[in-house]
Amino acid sequence: MDNRTIANRLTSHALLLEQAHGSLYRVRAYRRAAETVLGLDEPVEQIVDREGRKGLQSLDGIGRRLAGAIEQLVRTGEFRSLNSC
């Protein structure tokens, strides 16, 4: 899965959270993570393969729980939202 697709999934989830009047903090977190993913010089898949979740957590704006969701997306193609909306 390429970085643009991952960023699109994160942005889409941020929009769903926003529409459901979810936490503004979480909406911003998803959007910031999407921006980070788009700005990477290497594919997220390579980071996950090389360093796993810890590699994702080292990126700007990606915390432990969001790193887990992104890792799952990369490895399975499925996106586990963080407590849904």
N, C-alpha and C. Protein backbone atom coordinates (compact mmCIF):
# COMPACT_ATOMS: atom_id res chain seq x y z
N MET A 1 0.85 -1.17 0.00
CA MET A 1 0.00 0.00 0.00
C MET A 1 0.90 1.23 0.00
N ASP A 2 0.64 2.15 -0.91
CA ASP A 2 1.50 3.33 -1.01
C ASP A 2 1.12 4.41 0.01
N ASN A 3 2.02 5.35 0.16
CA ASN A 3 1.84 6.40 1.17
C ASN A 3 0.59 7.25 0.92
N ARG A 4 0.31 7.52 -0.33
CA ARG A 4 -0.87 8.33 -0.66
C ARG A 4 -2.15 7.62 -0.22
N THR A 5 -2.23 6.33 -0.44
CA THR A 5 -3.40 5.56 -0.04
C THR A 5 -3.55 5.57 1.48
N ILE A 6 -2.45 5.39 2.18
CA ILE A 6 -2.49 5.41 3.64
C ILE A 6 -2.95 6.78 4.13
N ALA A 7 -2.38 7.83 3.57
CA ALA A 7 -2.77 9.19 3.95
C ALA A 7 -4.25 9.44 3.66
N ASN A 8 -4.72 8.96 2.53
CA ASN A 8 -6.14 9.12 2.20
C ASN A 8 -7.04 8.42 3.21
N ARG A 9 -6.64 7.23 3.64
CA ARG A 9 -7.44 6.51 4.63
C ARG A 9 -7.46 7.25 5.96
N LEU A 10 -6.32 7.81 6.35
CA LEU A 10 -6.26 8.58 7.60
C LEU A 10 -7.12 9.84 7.51
N THR A 11 -7.04 10.52 6.38
CA THR A 11 -7.82 11.74 6.18
C THR A 11 -9.32 11.44 6.15
N SER A 12 -9.68 10.35 5.50
CA SER A 12 -11.09 9.95 5.46
C SER A 12 -11.63 9.66 6.85
N HIS A 13 -10.81 9.01 7.67
CA HIS A 13 -11.26 8.72 9.02
C HIS A 13 -11.37 10.00 9.84
N ALA A 14 -10.48 10.94 9.63
CA ALA A 14 -10.57 12.23 10.32
C ALA A 14 -11.88 12.92 9.98
N LEU A 15 -12.27 12.85 8.71
CA LEU A 15 -13.53 13.46 8.29
C LEU A 15 -14.73 12.78 8.95
N LEU A 16 -14.69 11.45 9.01
CA LEU A 16 -15.77 10.73 9.69
C LEU A 16 -15.87 11.12 11.16
N LEU A 17 -14.73 11.21 11.82
CA LEU A 17 -14.72 11.63 13.22
C LEU A 17 -15.29 13.04 13.37
N GLU A 18 -14.90 13.91 12.47
CA GLU A 18 -15.37 15.29 12.54
C GLU A 18 -16.88 15.36 12.34
N GLN A 19 -17.39 14.60 11.38
CA GLN A 19 -18.83 14.60 11.11
C GLN A 19 -19.63 14.02 12.27
N ALA A 20 -19.00 13.11 13.00
CA ALA A 20 -19.66 12.49 14.15
C ALA A 20 -19.42 13.30 15.43
N HIS A 21 -18.83 14.48 15.27
CA HIS A 21 -18.51 15.35 16.41
C HIS A 21 -17.59 14.66 17.40
N GLY A 22 -16.63 13.91 16.83
CA GLY A 22 -15.63 13.24 17.65
C GLY A 22 -14.65 14.24 18.20
N SER A 23 -13.74 13.76 18.96
CA SER A 23 -12.73 14.58 19.60
C SER A 23 -11.91 15.37 18.57
N LEU A 24 -11.86 16.66 18.77
CA LEU A 24 -11.08 17.51 17.88
C LEU A 24 -9.60 17.11 17.91
N TYR A 25 -9.13 16.68 19.07
CA TYR A 25 -7.76 16.22 19.20
C TYR A 25 -7.49 15.04 18.27
N ARG A 26 -8.41 14.08 18.26
CA ARG A 26 -8.23 12.89 17.40
C ARG A 26 -8.33 13.26 15.93
N VAL A 27 -9.25 14.16 15.58
CA VAL A 27 -9.37 14.60 14.19
C VAL A 27 -8.04 15.20 13.74
N ARG A 28 -7.49 16.07 14.56
CA ARG A 28 -6.19 16.69 14.23
C ARG A 28 -5.07 15.66 14.17
N ALA A 29 -5.10 14.68 15.05
CA ALA A 29 -4.06 13.65 15.06
C ALA A 29 -4.06 12.87 13.75
N TYR A 30 -5.24 12.48 13.29
CA TYR A 30 -5.33 11.73 12.02
C TYR A 30 -4.86 12.60 10.86
N ARG A 31 -5.25 13.84 10.85
CA ARG A 31 -4.83 14.73 9.75
C ARG A 31 -3.33 14.99 9.79
N ARG A 32 -2.80 15.17 10.96
CA ARG A 32 -1.35 15.40 11.07
C ARG A 32 -0.58 14.15 10.64
N ALA A 33 -1.06 12.98 11.03
CA ALA A 33 -0.40 11.74 10.61
C ALA A 33 -0.46 11.60 9.09
N ALA A 34 -1.57 11.96 8.48
CA ALA A 34 -1.69 11.90 7.02
C ALA A 34 -0.66 12.81 6.36
N GLU A 35 -0.51 14.02 6.89
CA GLU A 35 0.49 14.95 6.35
C GLU A 35 1.90 14.38 6.49
N THR A 36 2.16 13.77 7.64
CA THR A 36 3.48 13.17 7.87
C THR A 36 3.75 12.07 6.85
N VAL A 37 2.78 11.19 6.66
CA VAL A 37 2.93 10.08 5.71
C VAL A 37 3.18 10.60 4.30
N LEU A 38 2.43 11.63 3.90
CA LEU A 38 2.62 12.19 2.56
C LEU A 38 3.99 12.82 2.37
N GLY A 39 4.57 13.33 3.44
CA GLY A 39 5.87 14.00 3.35
C GLY A 39 7.07 13.08 3.44
N LEU A 40 6.84 11.79 3.62
CA LEU A 40 7.96 10.85 3.76
C LEU A 40 8.68 10.63 2.44
N ASP A 41 9.98 10.42 2.54
CA ASP A 41 10.80 10.13 1.37
C ASP A 41 10.84 8.64 1.05
N GLU A 42 10.29 7.84 1.93
CA GLU A 42 10.28 6.39 1.70
C GLU A 42 8.88 5.85 2.00
N PRO A 43 8.55 4.70 1.44
CA PRO A 43 7.25 4.11 1.70
C PRO A 43 7.09 3.69 3.17
N VAL A 44 5.91 3.90 3.69
CA VAL A 44 5.59 3.48 5.05
C VAL A 44 5.83 1.97 5.19
N GLU A 45 5.53 1.22 4.15
CA GLU A 45 5.75 -0.23 4.19
C GLU A 45 7.19 -0.57 4.54
N GLN A 46 8.14 0.17 4.00
CA GLN A 46 9.55 -0.09 4.29
C GLN A 46 9.86 0.20 5.75
N ILE A 47 9.27 1.26 6.28
CA ILE A 47 9.50 1.59 7.69
C ILE A 47 8.94 0.48 8.57
N VAL A 48 7.75 0.01 8.25
CA VAL A 48 7.12 -1.06 9.03
C VAL A 48 7.94 -2.33 8.93
N ASP A 49 8.39 -2.68 7.72
CA ASP A 49 9.19 -3.90 7.55
C ASP A 49 10.52 -3.82 8.32
N ARG A 50 11.13 -2.66 8.31
CA ARG A 50 12.44 -2.49 8.91
C ARG A 50 12.39 -2.28 10.43
N GLU A 51 11.42 -1.47 10.89
CA GLU A 51 11.42 -1.07 12.30
C GLU A 51 10.12 -1.35 13.04
N GLY A 52 9.10 -1.77 12.31
CA GLY A 52 7.82 -2.05 12.94
C GLY A 52 7.15 -0.80 13.48
N ARG A 53 6.33 -1.00 14.47
CA ARG A 53 5.56 0.08 15.08
C ARG A 53 6.45 1.17 15.66
N LYS A 54 7.59 0.79 16.21
CA LYS A 54 8.50 1.79 16.79
C LYS A 54 9.02 2.76 15.74
N GLY A 55 9.22 2.27 14.53
CA GLY A 55 9.64 3.15 13.45
C GLY A 55 8.58 4.17 13.11
N LEU A 56 7.33 3.75 13.16
CA LEU A 56 6.23 4.68 12.90
C LEU A 56 6.12 5.72 14.02
N GLN A 57 6.30 5.26 15.24
CA GLN A 57 6.22 6.17 16.39
C GLN A 57 7.31 7.22 16.38
N SER A 58 8.40 6.95 15.70
CA SER A 58 9.48 7.93 15.63
C SER A 58 9.16 9.07 14.66
N LEU A 59 8.10 8.91 13.89
CA LEU A 59 7.71 9.94 12.93
C LEU A 59 6.90 11.04 13.63
N ASP A 60 7.04 12.24 13.13
CA ASP A 60 6.36 13.39 13.69
C ASP A 60 4.84 13.20 13.66
N GLY A 61 4.21 13.34 14.82
CA GLY A 61 2.76 13.32 14.90
C GLY A 61 2.12 11.94 14.95
N ILE A 62 2.92 10.89 15.07
CA ILE A 62 2.35 9.54 15.12
C ILE A 62 2.71 8.91 16.46
N GLY A 63 1.68 8.73 17.27
CA GLY A 63 1.85 8.13 18.58
C GLY A 63 1.67 6.63 18.55
N ARG A 64 1.69 6.03 19.73
CA ARG A 64 1.64 4.58 19.88
C ARG A 64 0.38 3.97 19.26
N ARG A 65 -0.77 4.49 19.60
CA ARG A 65 -2.02 3.89 19.12
C ARG A 65 -2.22 4.11 17.62
N LEU A 66 -1.90 5.29 17.14
CA LEU A 66 -2.03 5.56 15.72
C LEU A 66 -1.01 4.75 14.92
N ALA A 67 0.18 4.56 15.48
CA ALA A 67 1.19 3.72 14.83
C ALA A 67 0.67 2.29 14.68
N GLY A 68 -0.02 1.80 15.70
CA GLY A 68 -0.60 0.46 15.63
C GLY A 68 -1.64 0.33 14.53
N ALA A 69 -2.47 1.35 14.41
CA ALA A 69 -3.50 1.34 13.37
C ALA A 69 -2.87 1.38 11.98
N ILE A 70 -1.84 2.20 11.81
CA ILE A 70 -1.16 2.30 10.52
C ILE A 70 -0.44 0.99 10.20
N GLU A 71 0.21 0.42 11.19
CA GLU A 71 0.89 -0.86 10.98
C GLU A 71 -0.10 -1.92 10.52
N GLN A 72 -1.24 -1.98 11.16
CA GLN A 72 -2.26 -2.95 10.76
C GLN A 72 -2.74 -2.70 9.34
N LEU A 73 -2.92 -1.44 8.98
CA LEU A 73 -3.33 -1.09 7.63
C LEU A 73 -2.30 -1.57 6.61
N VAL A 74 -1.03 -1.34 6.90
CA VAL A 74 0.03 -1.77 5.99
C VAL A 74 0.10 -3.29 5.87
N ARG A 75 0.00 -3.98 6.98
CA ARG A 75 0.19 -5.44 6.99
C ARG A 75 -1.04 -6.20 6.50
N THR A 76 -2.24 -5.68 6.75
CA THR A 76 -3.46 -6.44 6.43
C THR A 76 -4.38 -5.78 5.41
N GLY A 77 -4.17 -4.48 5.18
CA GLY A 77 -5.06 -3.75 4.30
C GLY A 77 -6.33 -3.29 5.01
N GLU A 78 -6.44 -3.65 6.28
CA GLU A 78 -7.60 -3.27 7.08
C GLU A 78 -7.22 -2.14 8.01
N PHE A 79 -8.17 -1.26 8.25
CA PHE A 79 -7.92 -0.12 9.10
C PHE A 79 -8.77 -0.24 10.35
N ARG A 80 -8.09 -0.34 11.46
CA ARG A 80 -8.77 -0.41 12.77
C ARG A 80 -8.78 1.00 13.32
N SER A 81 -9.96 1.56 13.39
CA SER A 81 -10.04 2.91 13.93
C SER A 81 -9.77 2.86 15.43
N LEU A 82 -9.39 3.97 15.95
CA LEU A 82 -9.11 4.05 17.37
C LEU A 82 -10.39 4.42 18.10
N ASN A 83 -11.11 3.41 18.56
CA ASN A 83 -12.38 3.59 19.25
C ASN A 83 -13.46 4.18 18.37
N SER A 84 -13.37 3.98 17.07
CA SER A 84 -14.35 4.49 16.12
C SER A 84 -14.61 5.97 16.34
N CYS A 85 -15.88 6.33 16.22
CA CYS A 85 -16.22 7.77 16.29
C CYS A 85 -16.62 8.16 17.67
